[in-house]
Amino acid sequence: MNTQNTTATENKVFDLQPINNRKSFYGKCKVIDNGKTAKLQSYTTIVAEYDHETKKMTVNGYYSKTTATHINAFLNFYGFATCSKKELENYNN
């Protein structure tokens, strides 16, 4: 019988849905949520993070038009306003 306590948090991973009348991001835009933070993965890169405790959103810059669409869907999902390219470039400043 295993009596060890495990404290590892299991990540919840789900596909983010578009907000611009597209049907899907076709698996290229995922949210990885461990209960404390939710990270947005666009293709293979973490491009934004939301902290559930502090309610703070961090955007790691502007990458491409497609990734900006992913970031804006993530912002919208967590109740933040969507941003232009220039706003994404300066989001954390």
PDB file of N, CA and C in Angstrom:
ATOM      1  N   MET A   1       0.836  -1.174   0.000  1.00  0.00           N
ATOM      2  CA  MET A   1       0.000   0.000   0.000  1.00  0.00           C
ATOM      3  C   MET A   1       0.888   1.247   0.000  1.00  0.00           C
ATOM      4  N   ASN A   2       0.590   2.188  -0.884  1.00  0.00           N
ATOM      5  CA  ASN A   2       1.345   3.427  -0.996  1.00  0.00           C
ATOM      6  C   ASN A   2       0.754   4.470  -0.059  1.00  0.00           C
ATOM      7  N   THR A   3       1.539   4.957   0.887  1.00  0.00           N
ATOM      8  CA  THR A   3       1.040   5.935   1.854  1.00  0.00           C
ATOM      9  C   THR A   3       1.665   7.315   1.633  1.00  0.00           C
ATOM     10  N   GLN A   4       2.372   7.495   0.523  1.00  0.00           N
ATOM     11  CA  GLN A   4       2.984   8.792   0.245  1.00  0.00           C
ATOM     12  C   GLN A   4       1.910   9.821  -0.100  1.00  0.00           C
ATOM     13  N   ASN A   5       2.114  11.034   0.392  1.00  0.00           N
ATOM     14  CA  ASN A   5       1.247  12.145   0.013  1.00  0.00           C
ATOM     15  C   ASN A   5       1.774  12.752  -1.275  1.00  0.00           C
ATOM     16  N   THR A   6       0.886  13.017  -2.194  1.00  0.00           N
ATOM     17  CA  THR A   6       1.303  13.680  -3.425  1.00  0.00           C
ATOM     18  C   THR A   6       0.732  15.082  -3.425  1.00  0.00           C
ATOM     19  N   THR A   7       1.585  16.042  -3.748  1.00  0.00           N
ATOM     20  CA  THR A   7       1.146  17.431  -3.771  1.00  0.00           C
ATOM     21  C   THR A   7       1.172  18.016  -5.177  1.00  0.00           C
ATOM     22  N   ALA A   8       1.535  17.224  -6.147  1.00  0.00           N
ATOM     23  CA  ALA A   8       1.591  17.716  -7.514  1.00  0.00           C
ATOM     24  C   ALA A   8       0.188  18.075  -7.996  1.00  0.00           C
ATOM     25  N   THR A   9       0.103  19.199  -8.667  1.00  0.00           N
ATOM     26  CA  THR A   9      -1.166  19.646  -9.226  1.00  0.00           C
ATOM     27  C   THR A   9      -1.236  19.181 -10.669  1.00  0.00           C
ATOM     28  N   GLU A  10      -2.343  18.593 -11.026  1.00  0.00           N
ATOM     29  CA  GLU A  10      -2.516  18.139 -12.395  1.00  0.00           C
ATOM     30  C   GLU A  10      -3.022  19.292 -13.250  1.00  0.00           C
ATOM     31  N   ASN A  11      -2.415  19.466 -14.405  1.00  0.00           N
ATOM     32  CA  ASN A  11      -2.816  20.531 -15.316  1.00  0.00           C
ATOM     33  C   ASN A  11      -4.085  20.163 -16.060  1.00  0.00           C
ATOM     34  N   LYS A  12      -4.944  21.135 -16.207  1.00  0.00           N
ATOM     35  CA  LYS A  12      -6.122  21.015 -17.052  1.00  0.00           C
ATOM     36  C   LYS A  12      -5.763  21.702 -18.359  1.00  0.00           C
ATOM     37  N   VAL A  13      -5.844  20.982 -19.463  1.00  0.00           N
ATOM     38  CA  VAL A  13      -5.488  21.526 -20.770  1.00  0.00           C
ATOM     39  C   VAL A  13      -6.729  21.510 -21.654  1.00  0.00           C
ATOM     40  N   PHE A  14      -7.004  22.669 -22.270  1.00  0.00           N
ATOM     41  CA  PHE A  14      -8.154  22.720 -23.173  1.00  0.00           C
ATOM     42  C   PHE A  14      -7.882  23.663 -24.334  1.00  0.00           C
ATOM     43  N   ASP A  15      -8.564  23.403 -25.445  1.00  0.00           N
ATOM     44  CA  ASP A  15      -8.462  24.267 -26.624  1.00  0.00           C
ATOM     45  C   ASP A  15      -9.273  25.524 -26.382  1.00  0.00           C
ATOM     46  N   LEU A  16      -8.688  26.659 -26.695  1.00  0.00           N
ATOM     47  CA  LEU A  16      -9.384  27.933 -26.575  1.00  0.00           C
ATOM     48  C   LEU A  16     -10.206  28.155 -27.835  1.00  0.00           C
ATOM     49  N   GLN A  17     -11.395  28.678 -27.676  1.00  0.00           N
ATOM     50  CA  GLN A  17     -12.281  28.923 -28.811  1.00  0.00           C
ATOM     51  C   GLN A  17     -12.097  30.341 -29.339  1.00  0.00           C
ATOM     52  N   PRO A  18     -12.162  30.521 -30.655  1.00  0.00           N
ATOM     53  CA  PRO A  18     -12.011  31.852 -31.248  1.00  0.00           C
ATOM     54  C   PRO A  18     -13.163  32.782 -30.872  1.00  0.00           C
ATOM     55  N   ILE A  19     -12.890  34.092 -30.987  1.00  0.00           N
ATOM     56  CA  ILE A  19     -13.934  35.083 -30.727  1.00  0.00           C
ATOM     57  C   ILE A  19     -14.306  35.839 -31.993  1.00  0.00           C
ATOM     58  N   ASN A  20     -13.731  35.460 -33.117  1.00  0.00           N
ATOM     59  CA  ASN A  20     -13.935  36.212 -34.360  1.00  0.00           C
ATOM     60  C   ASN A  20     -14.653  35.401 -35.438  1.00  0.00           C
ATOM     61  N   ASN A  21     -15.673  34.665 -35.054  1.00  0.00           N
ATOM     62  CA  ASN A  21     -16.514  33.886 -35.970  1.00  0.00           C
ATOM     63  C   ASN A  21     -15.822  32.708 -36.644  1.00  0.00           C
ATOM     64  N   ARG A  22     -14.584  32.409 -36.262  1.00  0.00           N
ATOM     65  CA  ARG A  22     -13.948  31.193 -36.761  1.00  0.00           C
ATOM     66  C   ARG A  22     -14.515  30.011 -36.013  1.00  0.00           C
ATOM     67  N   LYS A  23     -14.475  28.855 -36.617  1.00  0.00           N
ATOM     68  CA  LYS A  23     -14.985  27.654 -35.962  1.00  0.00           C
ATOM     69  C   LYS A  23     -14.015  27.117 -34.920  1.00  0.00           C
ATOM     70  N   SER A  24     -12.719  27.233 -35.202  1.00  0.00           N
ATOM     71  CA  SER A  24     -11.730  26.608 -34.330  1.00  0.00           C
ATOM     72  C   SER A  24     -10.343  27.187 -34.599  1.00  0.00           C
ATOM     73  N   PHE A  25      -9.450  27.001 -33.631  1.00  0.00           N
ATOM     74  CA  PHE A  25      -8.032  27.288 -33.843  1.00  0.00           C
ATOM     75  C   PHE A  25      -7.293  26.010 -34.246  1.00  0.00           C
ATOM     76  N   TYR A  26      -8.018  24.925 -34.436  1.00  0.00           N
ATOM     77  CA  TYR A  26      -7.481  23.655 -34.935  1.00  0.00           C
ATOM     78  C   TYR A  26      -6.330  23.113 -34.090  1.00  0.00           C
ATOM     79  N   GLY A  27      -6.476  23.231 -32.760  1.00  0.00           N
ATOM     80  CA  GLY A  27      -5.511  22.661 -31.838  1.00  0.00           C
ATOM     81  C   GLY A  27      -4.221  23.452 -31.681  1.00  0.00           C
ATOM     82  N   LYS A  28      -4.135  24.627 -32.297  1.00  0.00           N
ATOM     83  CA  LYS A  28      -2.900  25.420 -32.242  1.00  0.00           C
ATOM     84  C   LYS A  28      -2.898  26.424 -31.098  1.00  0.00           C
ATOM     85  N   CYS A  29      -3.983  26.455 -30.320  1.00  0.00           N
ATOM     86  CA  CYS A  29      -4.127  27.438 -29.240  1.00  0.00           C
ATOM     87  C   CYS A  29      -4.717  26.728 -28.023  1.00  0.00           C
ATOM     88  N   LYS A  30      -3.876  26.489 -27.011  1.00  0.00           N
ATOM     89  CA  LYS A  30      -4.303  25.733 -25.835  1.00  0.00           C
ATOM     90  C   LYS A  30      -4.091  26.525 -24.561  1.00  0.00           C
ATOM     91  N   VAL A  31      -4.970  26.287 -23.586  1.00  0.00           N
ATOM     92  CA  VAL A  31      -4.810  26.850 -22.254  1.00  0.00           C
ATOM     93  C   VAL A  31      -4.362  25.720 -21.332  1.00  0.00           C
ATOM     94  N   ILE A  32      -3.310  25.974 -20.569  1.00  0.00           N
ATOM     95  CA  ILE A  32      -2.789  25.011 -19.594  1.00  0.00           C
ATOM     96  C   ILE A  32      -3.012  25.640 -18.224  1.00  0.00           C
ATOM     97  N   ASP A  33      -3.940  25.076 -17.470  1.00  0.00           N
ATOM     98  CA  ASP A  33      -4.365  25.669 -16.197  1.00  0.00           C
ATOM     99  C   ASP A  33      -4.054  24.707 -15.059  1.00  0.00           C
ATOM    100  N   ASN A  34      -3.245  25.169 -14.092  1.00  0.00           N
ATOM    101  CA  ASN A  34      -2.904  24.324 -12.950  1.00  0.00           C
ATOM    102  C   ASN A  34      -3.678  24.722 -11.694  1.00  0.00           C
ATOM    103  N   GLY A  35      -4.674  25.589 -11.850  1.00  0.00           N
ATOM    104  CA  GLY A  35      -5.476  26.035 -10.722  1.00  0.00           C
ATOM    105  C   GLY A  35      -4.986  27.346 -10.128  1.00  0.00           C
ATOM    106  N   LYS A  36      -3.698  27.606 -10.235  1.00  0.00           N
ATOM    107  CA  LYS A  36      -3.121  28.878  -9.758  1.00  0.00           C
ATOM    108  C   LYS A  36      -2.912  29.836 -10.913  1.00  0.00           C
ATOM    109  N   THR A  37      -2.360  29.318 -12.002  1.00  0.00           N
ATOM    110  CA  THR A  37      -2.152  30.124 -13.202  1.00  0.00           C
ATOM    111  C   THR A  37      -2.680  29.387 -14.424  1.00  0.00           C
ATOM    112  N   ALA A  38      -3.057  30.180 -15.407  1.00  0.00           N
ATOM    113  CA  ALA A  38      -3.460  29.639 -16.708  1.00  0.00           C
ATOM    114  C   ALA A  38      -2.497  30.222 -17.728  1.00  0.00           C
ATOM    115  N   LYS A  39      -1.876  29.358 -18.513  1.00  0.00           N
ATOM    116  CA  LYS A  39      -0.922  29.796 -19.526  1.00  0.00           C
ATOM    117  C   LYS A  39      -1.495  29.533 -20.904  1.00  0.00           C
ATOM    118  N   LEU A  40      -1.299  30.497 -21.778  1.00  0.00           N
ATOM    119  CA  LEU A  40      -1.741  30.350 -23.160  1.00  0.00           C
ATOM    120  C   LEU A  40      -0.575  29.871 -24.003  1.00  0.00           C
ATOM    121  N   GLN A  41      -0.763  28.727 -24.650  1.00  0.00           N
ATOM    122  CA  GLN A  41       0.234  28.186 -25.566  1.00  0.00           C
ATOM    123  C   GLN A  41      -0.273  28.370 -26.984  1.00  0.00           C
ATOM    124  N   SER A  42       0.450  29.171 -27.755  1.00  0.00           N
ATOM    125  CA  SER A  42       0.150  29.366 -29.169  1.00  0.00           C
ATOM    126  C   SER A  42       1.202  28.589 -29.945  1.00  0.00           C
ATOM    127  N   TYR A  43       0.764  27.591 -30.681  1.00  0.00           N
ATOM    128  CA  TYR A  43       1.663  26.640 -31.321  1.00  0.00           C
ATOM    129  C   TYR A  43       2.503  25.968 -30.228  1.00  0.00           C
ATOM    130  N   THR A  44       3.769  26.269 -30.093  1.00  0.00           N
ATOM    131  CA  THR A  44       4.598  25.622 -29.064  1.00  0.00           C
ATOM    132  C   THR A  44       5.145  26.617 -28.038  1.00  0.00           C
ATOM    133  N   THR A  45       4.671  27.861 -28.086  1.00  0.00           N
ATOM    134  CA  THR A  45       5.217  28.927 -27.249  1.00  0.00           C
ATOM    135  C   THR A  45       4.188  29.439 -26.241  1.00  0.00           C
ATOM    136  N   ILE A  46       4.608  29.609 -24.993  1.00  0.00           N
ATOM    137  CA  ILE A  46       3.757  30.245 -23.983  1.00  0.00           C
ATOM    138  C   ILE A  46       3.807  31.746 -24.245  1.00  0.00           C
ATOM    139  N   VAL A  47       2.655  32.347 -24.569  1.00  0.00           N
ATOM    140  CA  VAL A  47       2.626  33.752 -24.990  1.00  0.00           C
ATOM    141  C   VAL A  47       1.896  34.661 -24.000  1.00  0.00           C
ATOM    142  N   ALA A  48       1.173  34.075 -23.046  1.00  0.00           N
ATOM    143  CA  ALA A  48       0.463  34.880 -22.051  1.00  0.00           C
ATOM    144  C   ALA A  48       0.169  34.015 -20.830  1.00  0.00           C
ATOM    145  N   GLU A  49      -0.073  34.696 -19.704  1.00  0.00           N
ATOM    146  CA  GLU A  49      -0.359  33.981 -18.461  1.00  0.00           C
ATOM    147  C   GLU A  49      -1.334  34.785 -17.614  1.00  0.00           C
ATOM    148  N   TYR A  50      -2.291  34.091 -17.017  1.00  0.00           N
ATOM    149  CA  TYR A  50      -3.257  34.708 -16.113  1.00  0.00           C
ATOM    150  C   TYR A  50      -3.100  34.089 -14.732  1.00  0.00           C
ATOM    151  N   ASP A  51      -2.946  34.935 -13.710  1.00  0.00           N
ATOM    152  CA  ASP A  51      -2.826  34.474 -12.328  1.00  0.00           C
ATOM    153  C   ASP A  51      -4.203  34.550 -11.676  1.00  0.00           C
ATOM    154  N   HIS A  52      -4.753  33.395 -11.320  1.00  0.00           N
ATOM    155  CA  HIS A  52      -6.103  33.336 -10.734  1.00  0.00           C
ATOM    156  C   HIS A  52      -6.178  34.052  -9.384  1.00  0.00           C
ATOM    157  N   GLU A  53      -5.098  34.040  -8.621  1.00  0.00           N
ATOM    158  CA  GLU A  53      -5.119  34.635  -7.280  1.00  0.00           C
ATOM    159  C   GLU A  53      -5.035  36.164  -7.322  1.00  0.00           C
ATOM    160  N   THR A  54      -4.122  36.689  -8.127  1.00  0.00           N
ATOM    161  CA  THR A  54      -3.940  38.145  -8.187  1.00  0.00           C
ATOM    162  C   THR A  54      -4.799  38.792  -9.266  1.00  0.00           C
ATOM    163  N   LYS A  55      -5.383  37.972 -10.130  1.00  0.00           N
ATOM    164  CA  LYS A  55      -6.187  38.446 -11.274  1.00  0.00           C
ATOM    165  C   LYS A  55      -5.337  39.255 -12.261  1.00  0.00           C
ATOM    166  N   LYS A  56      -4.032  38.991 -12.294  1.00  0.00           N
ATOM    167  CA  LYS A  56      -3.122  39.714 -13.174  1.00  0.00           C
ATOM    168  C   LYS A  56      -2.908  38.940 -14.472  1.00  0.00           C
ATOM    169  N   MET A  57      -2.960  39.681 -15.575  1.00  0.00           N
ATOM    170  CA  MET A  57      -2.693  39.113 -16.890  1.00  0.00           C
ATOM    171  C   MET A  57      -1.311  39.578 -17.338  1.00  0.00           C
ATOM    172  N   THR A  58      -0.524  38.662 -17.860  1.00  0.00           N
ATOM    173  CA  THR A  58       0.783  38.973 -18.418  1.00  0.00           C
ATOM    174  C   THR A  58       0.789  38.535 -19.876  1.00  0.00           C
ATOM    175  N   VAL A  59       1.159  39.440 -20.762  1.00  0.00           N
ATOM    176  CA  VAL A  59       1.284  39.126 -22.187  1.00  0.00           C
ATOM    177  C   VAL A  59       2.757  39.277 -22.539  1.00  0.00           C
ATOM    178  N   ASN A  60       3.306  38.265 -23.182  1.00  0.00           N
ATOM    179  CA  ASN A  60       4.742  38.224 -23.451  1.00  0.00           C
ATOM    180  C   ASN A  60       5.142  38.899 -24.756  1.00  0.00           C
ATOM    181  N   GLY A  61       4.320  39.818 -25.256  1.00  0.00           N
ATOM    182  CA  GLY A  61       4.667  40.565 -26.459  1.00  0.00           C
ATOM    183  C   GLY A  61       3.821  40.193 -27.654  1.00  0.00           C
ATOM    184  N   TYR A  62       4.202  40.732 -28.781  1.00  0.00           N
ATOM    185  CA  TYR A  62       3.528  40.474 -30.052  1.00  0.00           C
ATOM    186  C   TYR A  62       4.392  39.524 -30.867  1.00  0.00           C
ATOM    187  N   TYR A  63       3.774  38.486 -31.418  1.00  0.00           N
ATOM    188  CA  TYR A  63       4.512  37.475 -32.184  1.00  0.00           C
ATOM    189  C   TYR A  63       4.134  37.477 -33.661  1.00  0.00           C
ATOM    190  N   SER A  64       2.837  37.403 -33.912  1.00  0.00           N
ATOM    191  CA  SER A  64       2.329  37.363 -35.283  1.00  0.00           C
ATOM    192  C   SER A  64       0.836  37.689 -35.229  1.00  0.00           C
ATOM    193  N   LYS A  65       0.255  37.905 -36.386  1.00  0.00           N
ATOM    194  CA  LYS A  65      -1.175  38.202 -36.446  1.00  0.00           C
ATOM    195  C   LYS A  65      -1.996  37.031 -35.892  1.00  0.00           C
ATOM    196  N   THR A  66      -1.605  35.824 -36.247  1.00  0.00           N
ATOM    197  CA  THR A  66      -2.336  34.647 -35.761  1.00  0.00           C
ATOM    198  C   THR A  66      -2.217  34.510 -34.247  1.00  0.00           C
ATOM    199  N   THR A  67      -1.012  34.662 -33.717  1.00  0.00           N
ATOM    200  CA  THR A  67      -0.825  34.563 -32.274  1.00  0.00           C
ATOM    201  C   THR A  67      -1.545  35.702 -31.556  1.00  0.00           C
ATOM    202  N   ALA A  68      -1.601  36.882 -32.160  1.00  0.00           N
ATOM    203  CA  ALA A  68      -2.365  37.991 -31.572  1.00  0.00           C
ATOM    204  C   ALA A  68      -3.841  37.619 -31.459  1.00  0.00           C
ATOM    205  N   THR A  69      -4.355  36.899 -32.436  1.00  0.00           N
ATOM    206  CA  THR A  69      -5.744  36.422 -32.381  1.00  0.00           C
ATOM    207  C   THR A  69      -5.910  35.451 -31.220  1.00  0.00           C
ATOM    208  N   HIS A  70      -4.946  34.578 -31.008  1.00  0.00           N
ATOM    209  CA  HIS A  70      -4.977  33.645 -29.878  1.00  0.00           C
ATOM    210  C   HIS A  70      -4.949  34.412 -28.553  1.00  0.00           C
ATOM    211  N   ILE A  71      -4.036  35.399 -28.447  1.00  0.00           N
ATOM    212  CA  ILE A  71      -3.920  36.180 -27.209  1.00  0.00           C
ATOM    213  C   ILE A  71      -5.219  36.933 -26.930  1.00  0.00           C
ATOM    214  N   ASN A  72      -5.809  37.517 -27.940  1.00  0.00           N
ATOM    215  CA  ASN A  72      -7.058  38.255 -27.735  1.00  0.00           C
ATOM    216  C   ASN A  72      -8.196  37.340 -27.294  1.00  0.00           C
ATOM    217  N   ALA A  73      -8.234  36.119 -27.790  1.00  0.00           N
ATOM    218  CA  ALA A  73      -9.241  35.159 -27.327  1.00  0.00           C
ATOM    219  C   ALA A  73      -9.005  34.820 -25.856  1.00  0.00           C
ATOM    220  N   PHE A  74      -7.747  34.695 -25.454  1.00  0.00           N
ATOM    221  CA  PHE A  74      -7.371  34.416 -24.060  1.00  0.00           C
ATOM    222  C   PHE A  74      -7.756  35.595 -23.163  1.00  0.00           C
ATOM    223  N   LEU A  75      -7.433  36.818 -23.602  1.00  0.00           N
ATOM    224  CA  LEU A  75      -7.821  38.007 -22.845  1.00  0.00           C
ATOM    225  C   LEU A  75      -9.341  38.042 -22.654  1.00  0.00           C
ATOM    226  N   ASN A  76     -10.066  37.820 -23.722  1.00  0.00           N
ATOM    227  CA  ASN A  76     -11.530  37.832 -23.677  1.00  0.00           C
ATOM    228  C   ASN A  76     -12.063  36.748 -22.754  1.00  0.00           C
ATOM    229  N   PHE A  77     -11.476  35.561 -22.803  1.00  0.00           N
ATOM    230  CA  PHE A  77     -11.915  34.430 -21.977  1.00  0.00           C
ATOM    231  C   PHE A  77     -11.850  34.774 -20.491  1.00  0.00           C
ATOM    232  N   TYR A  78     -10.830  35.535 -20.099  1.00  0.00           N
ATOM    233  CA  TYR A  78     -10.663  35.903 -18.689  1.00  0.00           C
ATOM    234  C   TYR A  78     -11.204  37.300 -18.354  1.00  0.00           C
ATOM    235  N   GLY A  79     -11.994  37.873 -19.266  1.00  0.00           N
ATOM    236  CA  GLY A  79     -12.697  39.119 -18.973  1.00  0.00           C
ATOM    237  C   GLY A  79     -11.908  40.387 -19.207  1.00  0.00           C
ATOM    238  N   PHE A  80     -10.825  40.314 -19.960  1.00  0.00           N
ATOM    239  CA  PHE A  80     -10.018  41.485 -20.272  1.00  0.00           C
ATOM    240  C   PHE A  80     -10.379  41.992 -21.670  1.00  0.00           C
ATOM    241  N   ALA A  81     -10.123  43.266 -21.911  1.00  0.00           N
ATOM    242  CA  ALA A  81     -10.359  43.843 -23.232  1.00  0.00           C
ATOM    243  C   ALA A  81      -9.339  43.307 -24.230  1.00  0.00           C
ATOM    244  N   THR A  82      -9.765  43.155 -25.469  1.00  0.00           N
ATOM    245  CA  THR A  82      -8.840  42.743 -26.516  1.00  0.00           C
ATOM    246  C   THR A  82      -7.944  43.924 -26.886  1.00  0.00           C
ATOM    247  N   CYS A  83      -6.832  43.629 -27.571  1.00  0.00           N
ATOM    248  CA  CYS A  83      -5.807  44.647 -27.820  1.00  0.00           C
ATOM    249  C   CYS A  83      -5.365  44.671 -29.274  1.00  0.00           C
ATOM    250  N   SER A  84      -4.896  45.829 -29.685  1.00  0.00           N
ATOM    251  CA  SER A  84      -4.266  45.990 -30.995  1.00  0.00           C
ATOM    252  C   SER A  84      -2.822  45.484 -30.923  1.00  0.00           C
ATOM    253  N   LYS A  85      -2.148  45.471 -32.062  1.00  0.00           N
ATOM    254  CA  LYS A  85      -0.745  45.059 -32.104  1.00  0.00           C
ATOM    255  C   LYS A  85       0.101  45.924 -31.171  1.00  0.00           C
ATOM    256  N   LYS A  86      -0.047  47.231 -31.251  1.00  0.00           N
ATOM    257  CA  LYS A  86       0.737  48.147 -30.429  1.00  0.00           C
ATOM    258  C   LYS A  86       0.443  47.919 -28.937  1.00  0.00           C
ATOM    259  N   GLU A  87      -0.818  47.700 -28.585  1.00  0.00           N
ATOM    260  CA  GLU A  87      -1.170  47.447 -27.180  1.00  0.00           C
ATOM    261  C   GLU A  87      -0.567  46.148 -26.676  1.00  0.00           C
ATOM    262  N   LEU A  88      -0.526  45.117 -27.531  1.00  0.00           N
ATOM    263  CA  LEU A  88       0.080  43.845 -27.133  1.00  0.00           C
ATOM    264  C   LEU A  88       1.585  44.007 -26.947  1.00  0.00           C
ATOM    265  N   GLU A  89       2.219  44.789 -27.804  1.00  0.00           N
ATOM    266  CA  GLU A  89       3.664  45.021 -27.688  1.00  0.00           C
ATOM    267  C   GLU A  89       4.020  45.699 -26.369  1.00  0.00           C
ATOM    268  N   ASN A  90       3.106  46.506 -25.836  1.00  0.00           N
ATOM    269  CA  ASN A  90       3.367  47.285 -24.619  1.00  0.00           C
ATOM    270  C   ASN A  90       2.488  46.849 -23.454  1.00  0.00           C
ATOM    271  N   TYR A  91       1.940  45.668 -23.493  1.00  0.00           N
ATOM    272  CA  TYR A  91       0.900  45.261 -22.534  1.00  0.00           C
ATOM    273  C   TYR A  91       1.340  45.353 -21.082  1.00  0.00           C
ATOM    274  N   ASN A  92       2.538  44.930 -20.764  1.00  0.00           N
ATOM    275  CA  ASN A  92       2.971  44.870 -19.365  1.00  0.00           C
ATOM    276  C   ASN A  92       3.717  46.123 -18.904  1.00  0.00           C
ATOM    277  N   ASN A  93       3.785  47.135 -19.754  1.00  0.00           N
ATOM    278  CA  ASN A  93       4.517  48.355 -19.395  1.00  0.00           C
ATOM    279  C   ASN A  93       3.646  49.339 -18.644  1.00  0.00           C
TER     280      ASN A  93
END
